[in-house]
C-alpha atoms as a PDB file:
ATOM      1  CA  UNK A   1     -17.329   9.658 -15.864  1.00  0.00           C
ATOM      2  CA  UNK A   2     -14.755   9.146 -18.632  1.00  0.00           C
ATOM      3  CA  UNK A   3     -12.169   9.182 -15.977  1.00  0.00           C
ATOM      4  CA  UNK A   4     -13.909   6.321 -14.077  1.00  0.00           C
ATOM      5  CA  UNK A   5     -14.353   4.300 -17.373  1.00  0.00           C
ATOM      6  CA  UNK A   6     -10.824   4.937 -18.880  1.00  0.00           C
ATOM      7  CA  UNK A   7      -8.602   4.871 -15.844  1.00  0.00           C
ATOM      8  CA  UNK A   8     -10.201   3.486 -12.608  1.00  0.00           C
ATOM      9  CA  UNK A   9     -12.400   0.571 -13.901  1.00  0.00           C
ATOM     10  CA  UNK A  10      -9.806  -1.250 -15.953  1.00  0.00           C
ATOM     11  CA  UNK A  11      -7.653  -1.673 -12.753  1.00  0.00           C
ATOM     12  CA  UNK A  12     -10.506  -2.979 -10.730  1.00  0.00           C
ATOM     13  CA  UNK A  13     -11.835  -5.136 -13.785  1.00  0.00           C
ATOM     14  CA  UNK A  14      -8.447  -7.094 -13.535  1.00  0.00           C
ATOM     15  CA  UNK A  15      -9.177  -7.544  -9.717  1.00  0.00           C
ATOM     16  CA  UNK A  16     -12.681  -8.628 -10.508  1.00  0.00           C
ATOM     17  CA  UNK A  17     -11.476 -11.015 -13.154  1.00  0.00           C
ATOM     18  CA  UNK A  18      -9.292 -12.737 -10.566  1.00  0.00           C
ATOM     19  CA  UNK A  19     -12.234 -12.784  -8.282  1.00  0.00           C
ATOM     20  CA  UNK A  20     -14.354 -14.354 -10.957  1.00  0.00           C
ATOM     21  CA  UNK A  21     -11.802 -16.874 -11.906  1.00  0.00           C
ATOM     22  CA  UNK A  22     -11.491 -17.991  -8.284  1.00  0.00           C
ATOM     23  CA  UNK A  23     -15.195 -18.147  -7.579  1.00  0.00           C
ATOM     24  CA  UNK A  24     -15.728 -20.310 -10.717  1.00  0.00           C
ATOM     25  CA  UNK A  25     -12.945 -22.553  -9.440  1.00  0.00           C
ATOM     26  CA  UNK A  26     -10.779 -22.137 -12.566  1.00  0.00           C
ATOM     27  CA  UNK A  27      -7.929 -21.723 -10.303  1.00  0.00           C
ATOM     28  CA  UNK A  28      -7.672 -22.912  -6.753  1.00  0.00           C
ATOM     29  CA  UNK A  29      -6.278 -21.167  -3.593  1.00  0.00           C
ATOM     30  CA  UNK A  30      -2.800 -22.663  -4.185  1.00  0.00           C
ATOM     31  CA  UNK A  31      -2.698 -21.426  -7.590  1.00  0.00           C
ATOM     32  CA  UNK A  32      -3.712 -17.890  -6.630  1.00  0.00           C
ATOM     33  CA  UNK A  33      -1.208 -17.933  -3.779  1.00  0.00           C
ATOM     34  CA  UNK A  34       1.458 -18.872  -6.201  1.00  0.00           C
ATOM     35  CA  UNK A  35       0.644 -15.973  -8.518  1.00  0.00           C
ATOM     36  CA  UNK A  36       0.707 -13.687  -5.468  1.00  0.00           C
ATOM     37  CA  UNK A  37       3.987 -15.045  -4.303  1.00  0.00           C
ATOM     38  CA  UNK A  38       5.477 -14.625  -7.681  1.00  0.00           C
ATOM     39  CA  UNK A  39       4.159 -11.060  -7.895  1.00  0.00           C
ATOM     40  CA  UNK A  40       5.303 -10.066  -4.299  1.00  0.00           C
ATOM     41  CA  UNK A  41       8.535 -11.949  -4.138  1.00  0.00           C
ATOM     42  CA  UNK A  42       9.785 -11.830  -7.739  1.00  0.00           C
ATOM     43  CA  UNK A  43       8.120  -9.442 -10.136  1.00  0.00           C
ATOM     44  CA  UNK A  44       7.366  -6.410  -7.923  1.00  0.00           C
ATOM     45  CA  UNK A  45      10.880  -6.584  -6.327  1.00  0.00           C
ATOM     46  CA  UNK A  46      12.351  -6.393  -9.952  1.00  0.00           C
ATOM     47  CA  UNK A  47      10.125  -3.509 -10.737  1.00  0.00           C
ATOM     48  CA  UNK A  48      11.062  -1.623  -7.503  1.00  0.00           C
ATOM     49  CA  UNK A  49      14.781  -2.479  -7.732  1.00  0.00           C
ATOM     50  CA  UNK A  50      14.965  -0.979 -11.304  1.00  0.00           C
ATOM     51  CA  UNK A  51      12.828   2.072 -10.322  1.00  0.00           C
ATOM     52  CA  UNK A  52      15.000   2.920  -7.186  1.00  0.00           C
ATOM     53  CA  UNK A  53      18.210   2.214  -8.926  1.00  0.00           C
ATOM     54  CA  UNK A  54      17.276   4.744 -11.797  1.00  0.00           C
ATOM     55  CA  UNK A  55      15.461   7.256  -9.501  1.00  0.00           C
ATOM     56  CA  UNK A  56      16.862  10.753  -9.238  1.00  0.00           C
ATOM     57  CA  UNK A  57      17.204  10.591  -5.379  1.00  0.00           C
ATOM     58  CA  UNK A  58      18.199  14.340  -4.843  1.00  0.00           C
ATOM     59  CA  UNK A  59      15.069  15.491  -6.983  1.00  0.00           C
ATOM     60  CA  UNK A  60      12.470  12.955  -5.812  1.00  0.00           C
ATOM     61  CA  UNK A  61      13.301  12.373  -2.084  1.00  0.00           C
ATOM     62  CA  UNK A  62      11.559  15.605  -1.060  1.00  0.00           C
ATOM     63  CA  UNK A  63      10.797  16.121   2.555  1.00  0.00           C
ATOM     64  CA  UNK A  64       7.667  17.904   1.620  1.00  0.00           C
ATOM     65  CA  UNK A  65       6.317  15.003  -0.443  1.00  0.00           C
ATOM     66  CA  UNK A  66       7.109  12.400   2.096  1.00  0.00           C
ATOM     67  CA  UNK A  67       6.007  14.656   4.952  1.00  0.00           C
ATOM     68  CA  UNK A  68       2.620  15.318   3.435  1.00  0.00           C
ATOM     69  CA  UNK A  69       2.002  11.521   2.748  1.00  0.00           C
ATOM     70  CA  UNK A  70       3.383  10.029   5.928  1.00  0.00           C
ATOM     71  CA  UNK A  71       1.737  12.747   8.292  1.00  0.00           C
ATOM     72  CA  UNK A  72      -1.608  11.649   6.758  1.00  0.00           C
ATOM     73  CA  UNK A  73      -0.662   7.933   7.201  1.00  0.00           C
ATOM     74  CA  UNK A  74       0.581   8.256  10.688  1.00  0.00           C
ATOM     75  CA  UNK A  75      -2.565  10.346  11.764  1.00  0.00           C
ATOM     76  CA  UNK A  76      -4.627   7.576  10.153  1.00  0.00           C
ATOM     77  CA  UNK A  77      -2.802   5.031  12.361  1.00  0.00           C
ATOM     78  CA  UNK A  78      -3.475   7.125  15.461  1.00  0.00           C
ATOM     79  CA  UNK A  79      -7.193   7.695  14.486  1.00  0.00           C
ATOM     80  CA  UNK A  80      -7.688   3.879  13.849  1.00  0.00           C
ATOM     81  CA  UNK A  81      -5.901   2.892  17.025  1.00  0.00           C
ATOM     82  CA  UNK A  82      -7.519   5.329  19.421  1.00  0.00           C
ATOM     83  CA  UNK A  83     -10.989   5.118  17.832  1.00  0.00           C
ATOM     84  CA  UNK A  84     -10.798   1.316  18.053  1.00  0.00           C
ATOM     85  CA  UNK A  85     -10.016   1.606  21.876  1.00  0.00           C
ATOM     86  CA  UNK A  86     -11.919   4.576  22.890  1.00  0.00           C
ATOM     87  CA  UNK A  87     -15.067   4.462  20.634  1.00  0.00           C
ATOM     88  CA  UNK A  88     -15.463   0.885  20.183  1.00  0.00           C
ATOM     89  CA  UNK A  89     -13.900  -0.492  23.440  1.00  0.00           C
ATOM     90  CA  UNK A  90     -11.608  -3.052  21.631  1.00  0.00           C
ATOM     91  CA  UNK A  91      -8.523  -4.469  23.530  1.00  0.00           C
ATOM     92  CA  UNK A  92      -5.237  -2.747  22.754  1.00  0.00           C
ATOM     93  CA  UNK A  93      -3.713  -5.507  20.470  1.00  0.00           C
ATOM     94  CA  UNK A  94      -6.910  -5.358  18.401  1.00  0.00           C
ATOM     95  CA  UNK A  95      -6.844  -1.654  18.224  1.00  0.00           C
ATOM     96  CA  UNK A  96      -3.134  -1.641  16.906  1.00  0.00           C
ATOM     97  CA  UNK A  97      -4.223  -4.013  14.274  1.00  0.00           C
ATOM     98  CA  UNK A  98      -7.070  -1.796  13.284  1.00  0.00           C
ATOM     99  CA  UNK A  99      -4.603   1.227  13.298  1.00  0.00           C
ATOM    100  CA  UNK A 100      -2.253  -0.607  10.954  1.00  0.00           C
ATOM    101  CA  UNK A 101      -5.226  -1.069   8.656  1.00  0.00           C
ATOM    102  CA  UNK A 102      -5.703   2.634   8.323  1.00  0.00           C
ATOM    103  CA  UNK A 103      -1.948   3.031   8.064  1.00  0.00           C
ATOM    104  CA  UNK A 104      -0.969   0.693   5.305  1.00  0.00           C
ATOM    105  CA  UNK A 105      -2.469   1.951   1.926  1.00  0.00           C
ATOM    106  CA  UNK A 106      -2.185  -0.255  -1.122  1.00  0.00           C
ATOM    107  CA  UNK A 107       0.473   1.862  -2.686  1.00  0.00           C
ATOM    108  CA  UNK A 108       1.806  -0.937  -4.901  1.00  0.00           C
ATOM    109  CA  UNK A 109      -1.292  -2.765  -6.365  1.00  0.00           C
ATOM    110  CA  UNK A 110      -3.746   0.306  -6.612  1.00  0.00           C
ATOM    111  CA  UNK A 111      -1.504   3.509  -6.268  1.00  0.00           C
ATOM    112  CA  UNK A 112       0.876   2.699  -8.983  1.00  0.00           C
ATOM    113  CA  UNK A 113      -1.405   1.308 -11.720  1.00  0.00           C
ATOM    114  CA  UNK A 114      -4.038   4.117 -11.267  1.00  0.00           C
ATOM    115  CA  UNK A 115      -1.419   6.830 -11.292  1.00  0.00           C
ATOM    116  CA  UNK A 116       0.212   5.321 -14.282  1.00  0.00           C
ATOM    117  CA  UNK A 117      -3.070   5.156 -16.231  1.00  0.00           C
ATOM    118  CA  UNK A 118      -4.204   8.589 -15.174  1.00  0.00           C
ATOM    119  CA  UNK A 119      -1.022  10.447 -15.662  1.00  0.00           C
ATOM    120  CA  UNK A 120       1.476   8.188 -17.482  1.00  0.00           C
ATOM    121  CA  UNK A 121       4.612   6.133 -16.543  1.00  0.00           C
ATOM    122  CA  UNK A 122       6.763   9.342 -16.406  1.00  0.00           C
ATOM    123  CA  UNK A 123       4.597  10.554 -13.437  1.00  0.00           C
ATOM    124  CA  UNK A 124       5.468   7.683 -11.019  1.00  0.00           C
ATOM    125  CA  UNK A 125       8.876   9.022  -9.460  1.00  0.00           C
ATOM    126  CA  UNK A 126       6.806  10.298  -6.473  1.00  0.00           C
ATOM    127  CA  UNK A 127       5.028   6.995  -6.141  1.00  0.00           C
ATOM    128  CA  UNK A 128       8.454   5.108  -5.941  1.00  0.00           C
ATOM    129  CA  UNK A 129       9.825   7.613  -3.450  1.00  0.00           C
ATOM    130  CA  UNK A 130       6.754   6.895  -1.139  1.00  0.00           C
ATOM    131  CA  UNK A 131       6.857   3.230  -1.774  1.00  0.00           C
ATOM    132  CA  UNK A 132      10.648   2.907  -1.199  1.00  0.00           C
ATOM    133  CA  UNK A 133      10.192   3.528   2.664  1.00  0.00           C
ATOM    134  CA  UNK A 134       6.487   2.488   2.921  1.00  0.00           C
ATOM    135  CA  UNK A 135       6.881  -1.053   4.235  1.00  0.00           C
ATOM    136  CA  UNK A 136       9.871  -0.259   6.490  1.00  0.00           C
ATOM    137  CA  UNK A 137       7.970   2.661   8.153  1.00  0.00           C
ATOM    138  CA  UNK A 138       4.580   0.976   8.496  1.00  0.00           C
ATOM    139  CA  UNK A 139       5.985  -2.281   9.696  1.00  0.00           C
ATOM    140  CA  UNK A 140       8.265  -0.594  12.320  1.00  0.00           C
ATOM    141  CA  UNK A 141       5.257   1.464  13.590  1.00  0.00           C
ATOM    142  CA  UNK A 142       2.970  -1.502  13.648  1.00  0.00           C
ATOM    143  CA  UNK A 143       5.427  -4.029  15.240  1.00  0.00           C
ATOM    144  CA  UNK A 144       6.651  -1.547  17.873  1.00  0.00           C
ATOM    145  CA  UNK A 145       3.079  -0.631  18.799  1.00  0.00           C
ATOM    146  CA  UNK A 146       1.929  -4.169  18.964  1.00  0.00           C
ATOM    147  CA  UNK A 147       4.895  -5.280  21.203  1.00  0.00           C
ATOM    148  CA  UNK A 148       4.138  -2.476  23.518  1.00  0.00           C
ATOM    149  CA  UNK A 149       0.521  -3.248  23.497  1.00  0.00           C
ATOM    150  CA  UNK A 150       1.066  -6.906  24.209  1.00  0.00           C
ATOM    151  CA  UNK A 151       3.507  -5.956  27.150  1.00  0.00           C
ATOM    152  CA  UNK A 152       4.977  -9.282  27.307  1.00  0.00           C
ATOM    153  CA  UNK A 153       8.172  -7.820  28.816  1.00  0.00           C
ATOM    154  CA  UNK A 154      10.164  -8.420  25.662  1.00  0.00           C
ATOM    155  CA  UNK A 155      12.180  -5.258  26.147  1.00  0.00           C
ATOM    156  CA  UNK A 156      13.428  -2.701  23.605  1.00  0.00           C
ATOM    157  CA  UNK A 157      16.225  -4.851  22.269  1.00  0.00           C
ATOM    158  CA  UNK A 158      13.873  -7.729  21.411  1.00  0.00           C
ATOM    159  CA  UNK A 159      11.375  -5.354  20.035  1.00  0.00           C
ATOM    160  CA  UNK A 160      14.174  -3.979  17.643  1.00  0.00           C
ATOM    161  CA  UNK A 161      15.374  -7.407  16.746  1.00  0.00           C
ATOM    162  CA  UNK A 162      11.708  -8.288  15.767  1.00  0.00           C
ATOM    163  CA  UNK A 163      11.582  -5.187  13.602  1.00  0.00           C
ATOM    164  CA  UNK A 164      14.924  -6.059  12.040  1.00  0.00           C
ATOM    165  CA  UNK A 165      14.024  -9.711  11.248  1.00  0.00           C
ATOM    166  CA  UNK A 166      10.635  -8.605   9.701  1.00  0.00           C
ATOM    167  CA  UNK A 167      12.510  -6.113   7.462  1.00  0.00           C
ATOM    168  CA  UNK A 168      15.333  -8.664   6.458  1.00  0.00           C
ATOM    169  CA  UNK A 169      12.795 -11.271   5.444  1.00  0.00           C
ATOM    170  CA  UNK A 170      10.831  -8.966   3.218  1.00  0.00           C
ATOM    171  CA  UNK A 171      11.743  -9.281  -0.443  1.00  0.00           C
ATOM    172  CA  UNK A 172      10.199  -5.763  -1.316  1.00  0.00           C
ATOM    173  CA  UNK A 173      12.550  -4.225   1.423  1.00  0.00           C
ATOM    174  CA  UNK A 174      15.512  -6.228   0.236  1.00  0.00           C
ATOM    175  CA  UNK A 175      14.912  -5.106  -3.465  1.00  0.00           C
ATOM    176  CA  UNK A 176      14.456  -1.338  -2.586  1.00  0.00           C
ATOM    177  CA  UNK A 177      17.732  -1.650  -0.374  1.00  0.00           C
ATOM    178  CA  UNK A 178      19.532  -3.304  -3.424  1.00  0.00           C
ATOM    179  CA  UNK A 179      18.189  -0.420  -5.536  1.00  0.00           C
ATOM    180  CA  UNK A 180      19.587   2.344  -3.176  1.00  0.00           C
ATOM    181  CA  UNK A 181      22.941   0.659  -3.224  1.00  0.00           C
ATOM    182  CA  UNK A 182      23.154   0.636  -7.058  1.00  0.00           C
ATOM    183  CA  UNK A 183      22.041   4.031  -7.287  1.00  0.00           C
ATOM    184  CA  UNK A 184      24.252   5.693  -4.578  1.00  0.00           C
ATOM    185  CA  UNK A 185      27.359   3.842  -5.458  1.00  0.00           C
ATOM    186  CA  UNK A 186      26.702   4.279  -9.285  1.00  0.00           C
ATOM    187  CA  UNK A 187      27.070   0.503  -9.874  1.00  0.00           C
ATOM    188  CA  UNK A 188      26.790  -0.012 -13.701  1.00  0.00           C
ATOM    189  CA  UNK A 189      24.225  -2.530 -14.819  1.00  0.00           C
ATOM    190  CA  UNK A 190      24.541  -4.465 -18.001  1.00  0.00           C
ATOM    191  CA  UNK A 191      21.955  -3.774 -20.459  1.00  0.00           C
ATOM    192  CA  UNK A 192      20.888  -7.424 -20.941  1.00  0.00           C
ATOM    193  CA  UNK A 193      20.384  -7.545 -17.303  1.00  0.00           C
ATOM    194  CA  UNK A 194      18.147  -4.434 -17.105  1.00  0.00           C
ATOM    195  CA  UNK A 195      16.065  -5.744 -20.001  1.00  0.00           C
ATOM    196  CA  UNK A 196      15.609  -9.047 -18.180  1.00  0.00           C
ATOM    197  CA  UNK A 197      14.585  -7.383 -14.991  1.00  0.00           C
ATOM    198  CA  UNK A 198      12.279  -5.202 -16.975  1.00  0.00           C
ATOM    199  CA  UNK A 199      10.495  -7.938 -18.686  1.00  0.00           C
ATOM    200  CA  UNK A 200       9.840  -9.627 -15.320  1.00  0.00           C
ATOM    201  CA  UNK A 201       8.792  -6.277 -13.855  1.00  0.00           C
ATOM    202  CA  UNK A 202       6.248  -5.584 -16.543  1.00  0.00           C
ATOM    203  CA  UNK A 203       4.390  -8.626 -15.320  1.00  0.00           C
ATOM    204  CA  UNK A 204       4.185  -7.395 -11.785  1.00  0.00           C
ATOM    205  CA  UNK A 205       1.157  -5.102 -11.548  1.00  0.00           C
ATOM    206  CA  UNK A 206      -1.271  -7.204 -13.734  1.00  0.00           C
ATOM    207  CA  UNK A 207      -0.246 -10.381 -12.035  1.00  0.00           C
ATOM    208  CA  UNK A 208      -0.568  -8.772  -8.630  1.00  0.00           C
ATOM    209  CA  UNK A 209      -3.926  -7.171  -9.400  1.00  0.00           C
ATOM    210  CA  UNK A 210      -5.446 -10.442 -10.772  1.00  0.00           C
ATOM    211  CA  UNK A 211      -4.077 -12.436  -7.776  1.00  0.00           C
ATOM    212  CA  UNK A 212      -5.470  -9.771  -5.361  1.00  0.00           C
ATOM    213  CA  UNK A 213      -8.897 -10.492  -6.840  1.00  0.00           C
ATOM    214  CA  UNK A 214      -8.425 -14.219  -6.069  1.00  0.00           C
ATOM    215  CA  UNK A 215      -7.300 -13.485  -2.536  1.00  0.00           C
ATOM    216  CA  UNK A 216     -10.239 -11.156  -1.811  1.00  0.00           C
ATOM    217  CA  UNK A 217     -12.592 -14.074  -2.878  1.00  0.00           C
ATOM    218  CA  UNK A 218     -11.707 -15.793   0.441  1.00  0.00           C
ATOM    219  CA  UNK A 219     -13.065 -13.063   2.609  1.00  0.00           C
ATOM    220  CA  UNK A 220     -16.573 -12.405   3.379  1.00  0.00           C
ATOM    221  CA  UNK A 221     -18.040  -9.021   4.599  1.00  0.00           C
ATOM    222  CA  UNK A 222     -18.252  -9.947   8.453  1.00  0.00           C
ATOM    223  CA  UNK A 223     -17.123  -8.660  11.721  1.00  0.00           C
ATOM    224  CA  UNK A 224     -18.053  -5.228  13.186  1.00  0.00           C
ATOM    225  CA  UNK A 225     -19.213  -3.289  10.222  1.00  0.00           C
ATOM    226  CA  UNK A 226     -19.259  -0.169  12.369  1.00  0.00           C
ATOM    227  CA  UNK A 227     -15.460  -0.356  12.803  1.00  0.00           C
ATOM    228  CA  UNK A 228     -14.896  -1.458   9.320  1.00  0.00           C
ATOM    229  CA  UNK A 229     -16.828   1.744   8.062  1.00  0.00           C
ATOM    230  CA  UNK A 230     -14.769   3.920  10.417  1.00  0.00           C
ATOM    231  CA  UNK A 231     -11.451   2.458   9.230  1.00  0.00           C
ATOM    232  CA  UNK A 232     -12.618   2.968   5.459  1.00  0.00           C
ATOM    233  CA  UNK A 233     -13.525   6.532   6.053  1.00  0.00           C
ATOM    234  CA  UNK A 234     -10.016   7.188   7.595  1.00  0.00           C
ATOM    235  CA  UNK A 235      -8.260   5.339   4.670  1.00  0.00           C
ATOM    236  CA  UNK A 236     -10.368   6.630   1.868  1.00  0.00           C
ATOM    237  CA  UNK A 237     -11.130  10.089   3.015  1.00  0.00           C
ATOM    238  CA  UNK A 238      -9.043  11.405   6.011  1.00  0.00           C
ATOM    239  CA  UNK A 239      -5.557  10.324   4.820  1.00  0.00           C
ATOM    240  CA  UNK A 240      -5.875  11.817   1.284  1.00  0.00           C
ATOM    241  CA  UNK A 241      -7.446  14.934   2.837  1.00  0.00           C
ATOM    242  CA  UNK A 242      -4.643  15.518   5.213  1.00  0.00           C
ATOM    243  CA  UNK A 243      -2.166  14.788   2.352  1.00  0.00           C
ATOM    244  CA  UNK A 244      -3.986  17.265   0.178  1.00  0.00           C
ATOM    245  CA  UNK A 245      -3.830  19.973   2.817  1.00  0.00           C
ATOM    246  CA  UNK A 246      -0.242  19.569   3.454  1.00  0.00           C
ATOM    247  CA  UNK A 247       0.760  19.111  -0.114  1.00  0.00           C
ATOM    248  CA  UNK A 248      -0.913  22.448  -1.009  1.00  0.00           C
ATOM    249  CA  UNK A 249       0.680  24.123   1.993  1.00  0.00           C
ATOM    250  CA  UNK A 250       4.064  22.768   0.937  1.00  0.00           C
ATOM    251  CA  UNK A 251       3.573  23.727  -2.744  1.00  0.00           C
ATOM    252  CA  UNK A 252       4.422  20.294  -4.074  1.00  0.00           C
ATOM    253  CA  UNK A 253       5.145  19.916  -7.674  1.00  0.00           C
ATOM    254  CA  UNK A 254       2.154  18.650  -9.862  1.00  0.00           C
ATOM    255  CA  UNK A 255       3.513  15.087 -10.258  1.00  0.00           C
ATOM    256  CA  UNK A 256       4.459  14.772  -6.628  1.00  0.00           C
ATOM    257  CA  UNK A 257       1.075  16.166  -5.504  1.00  0.00           C
ATOM    258  CA  UNK A 258      -0.808  13.637  -7.852  1.00  0.00           C
ATOM    259  CA  UNK A 259       1.331  10.650  -6.629  1.00  0.00           C
ATOM    260  CA  UNK A 260       0.886  11.559  -2.948  1.00  0.00           C
ATOM    261  CA  UNK A 261      -3.030  12.025  -3.365  1.00  0.00           C
ATOM    262  CA  UNK A 262      -3.508   8.732  -5.328  1.00  0.00           C
ATOM    263  CA  UNK A 263      -1.305   6.731  -3.065  1.00  0.00           C
ATOM    264  CA  UNK A 264      -3.094   8.204   0.022  1.00  0.00           C
ATOM    265  CA  UNK A 265      -6.511   7.498  -1.466  1.00  0.00           C
ATOM    266  CA  UNK A 266      -5.695   3.814  -2.210  1.00  0.00           C
ATOM    267  CA  UNK A 267      -7.604   1.144  -0.159  1.00  0.00           C
ATOM    268  CA  UNK A 268      -5.982  -0.536   2.703  1.00  0.00           C
ATOM    269  CA  UNK A 269      -3.402  -3.246   1.371  1.00  0.00           C
ATOM    270  CA  UNK A 270      -3.518  -6.943   1.829  1.00  0.00           C
ATOM    271  CA  UNK A 271      -0.472  -6.435   4.287  1.00  0.00           C
ATOM    272  CA  UNK A 272      -3.225  -5.189   6.678  1.00  0.00           C
ATOM    273  CA  UNK A 273      -4.623  -8.593   6.971  1.00  0.00           C
ATOM    274  CA  UNK A 274      -1.121 -10.218   6.949  1.00  0.00           C
ATOM    275  CA  UNK A 275      -0.235  -8.107   9.999  1.00  0.00           C
ATOM    276  CA  UNK A 276      -3.448  -8.942  11.836  1.00  0.00           C
ATOM    277  CA  UNK A 277      -2.859 -12.725  10.990  1.00  0.00           C
ATOM    278  CA  UNK A 278       0.660 -12.516  12.167  1.00  0.00           C
ATOM    279  CA  UNK A 279      -0.512 -11.684  15.672  1.00  0.00           C
ATOM    280  CA  UNK A 280      -3.813 -13.407  15.725  1.00  0.00           C
ATOM    281  CA  UNK A 281      -5.850 -10.313  16.390  1.00  0.00           C
ATOM    282  CA  UNK A 282      -8.596  -8.407  14.567  1.00  0.00           C
ATOM    283  CA  UNK A 283      -8.409 -10.768  11.494  1.00  0.00           C
ATOM    284  CA  UNK A 284     -12.103 -10.746  10.500  1.00  0.00           C
ATOM    285  CA  UNK A 285     -12.266  -6.779  10.758  1.00  0.00           C
ATOM    286  CA  UNK A 286      -8.931  -6.446   8.840  1.00  0.00           C
ATOM    287  CA  UNK A 287     -10.003  -8.793   6.030  1.00  0.00           C
ATOM    288  CA  UNK A 288     -13.332  -7.205   5.747  1.00  0.00           C
ATOM    289  CA  UNK A 289     -11.930  -3.677   5.666  1.00  0.00           C
ATOM    290  CA  UNK A 290      -9.529  -4.661   2.817  1.00  0.00           C
ATOM    291  CA  UNK A 291     -12.490  -6.210   0.953  1.00  0.00           C
ATOM    292  CA  UNK A 292     -14.936  -3.348   1.400  1.00  0.00           C
ATOM    293  CA  UNK A 293     -12.281  -0.570   1.126  1.00  0.00           C
ATOM    294  CA  UNK A 294     -11.088  -1.972  -2.173  1.00  0.00           C
ATOM    295  CA  UNK A 295     -14.580  -1.992  -3.536  1.00  0.00           C
ATOM    296  CA  UNK A 296     -15.551   1.457  -2.315  1.00  0.00           C
ATOM    297  CA  UNK A 297     -12.301   2.970  -3.642  1.00  0.00           C
ATOM    298  CA  UNK A 298     -13.583   2.339  -7.082  1.00  0.00           C
ATOM    299  CA  UNK A 299     -15.756   5.602  -6.445  1.00  0.00           C
ATOM    300  CA  UNK A 300     -13.521   7.245  -4.011  1.00  0.00           C
ATOM    301  CA  UNK A 301     -10.406   7.291  -6.193  1.00  0.00           C
ATOM    302  CA  UNK A 302     -12.588   8.454  -8.952  1.00  0.00           C
ATOM    303  CA  UNK A 303     -13.733  11.365  -6.778  1.00  0.00           C
ATOM    304  CA  UNK A 304     -10.022  12.185  -5.949  1.00  0.00           C
ATOM    305  CA  UNK A 305      -9.036  12.186  -9.605  1.00  0.00           C
ATOM    306  CA  UNK A 306     -12.023  14.552 -10.369  1.00  0.00           C
ATOM    307  CA  UNK A 307     -10.810  16.893  -7.497  1.00  0.00           C
ATOM    308  CA  UNK A 308      -7.321  16.825  -8.839  1.00  0.00           C
ATOM    309  CA  UNK A 309      -8.556  17.706 -12.283  1.00  0.00           C
ATOM    310  CA  UNK A 310     -10.947  20.525 -10.970  1.00  0.00           C
ATOM    311  CA  UNK A 311      -7.906  22.022  -9.036  1.00  0.00           C
ATOM    312  CA  UNK A 312      -5.726  22.135 -12.189  1.00  0.00           C
ATOM    313  CA  UNK A 313      -3.681  19.069 -11.371  1.00  0.00           C
END
């Protein structure tokens, strides 16, 4: 119970505070959107740039770590896609959107702060390694599958161009790429610049969590709750369970194992709704799953933390 109170609840209380402030109309949707844009386009890119620039790539870019996490994520995508099509009879474009929901865990807004609160800032290297390729991999899978599902004759070259455009316009991807350049080329950074970026980066997680609460206020639990429940089980149980099994089989280091499990156990991210909205399919189910999954993850993340402690991690 102390884990729930000391580690998990503070993160969700910040989300709840954002929800409450929007509900009581202390801030309107434009203000909430402005906070989220600041977090996603400025503060989080600063945080990720510094983290990747200073990351020990040879030590942290471990194939076993990334394989454990992304095997679970891609399995979740396939389970969400095929389940939506074969079990619930939804059209292929809807099925792809639902697969993306169970693919894109909230690695930034939930995985990072919960890991930091549970194990300290020094335990985040594995999180950053996962996050550094998270958006490119997930969007490449989602966009490619959606273009195939829509079958509009765009052709492989147009599909590749669509993927590249999506990546090139994403500030998170650009910040991560810049961090890799600085890291690999050993580009020196003035101390005053590092300190300035650090100041902005420290605002990233609390601002994003607060804004996430305001964004979630807009959505109501509606749509097909059977599909929502199915996607929540995949995201909150199946993905981390697969990551756990592979992580133990690959004998991951303690910090890597913790990072992989907590990131895998995070609820679907708001990007799941953004992806569905981009293509105009499955929006209600995607929004509802983000909302319900975020609420349920209060208990499921607590359970995974308890399992980590029981297993000696």
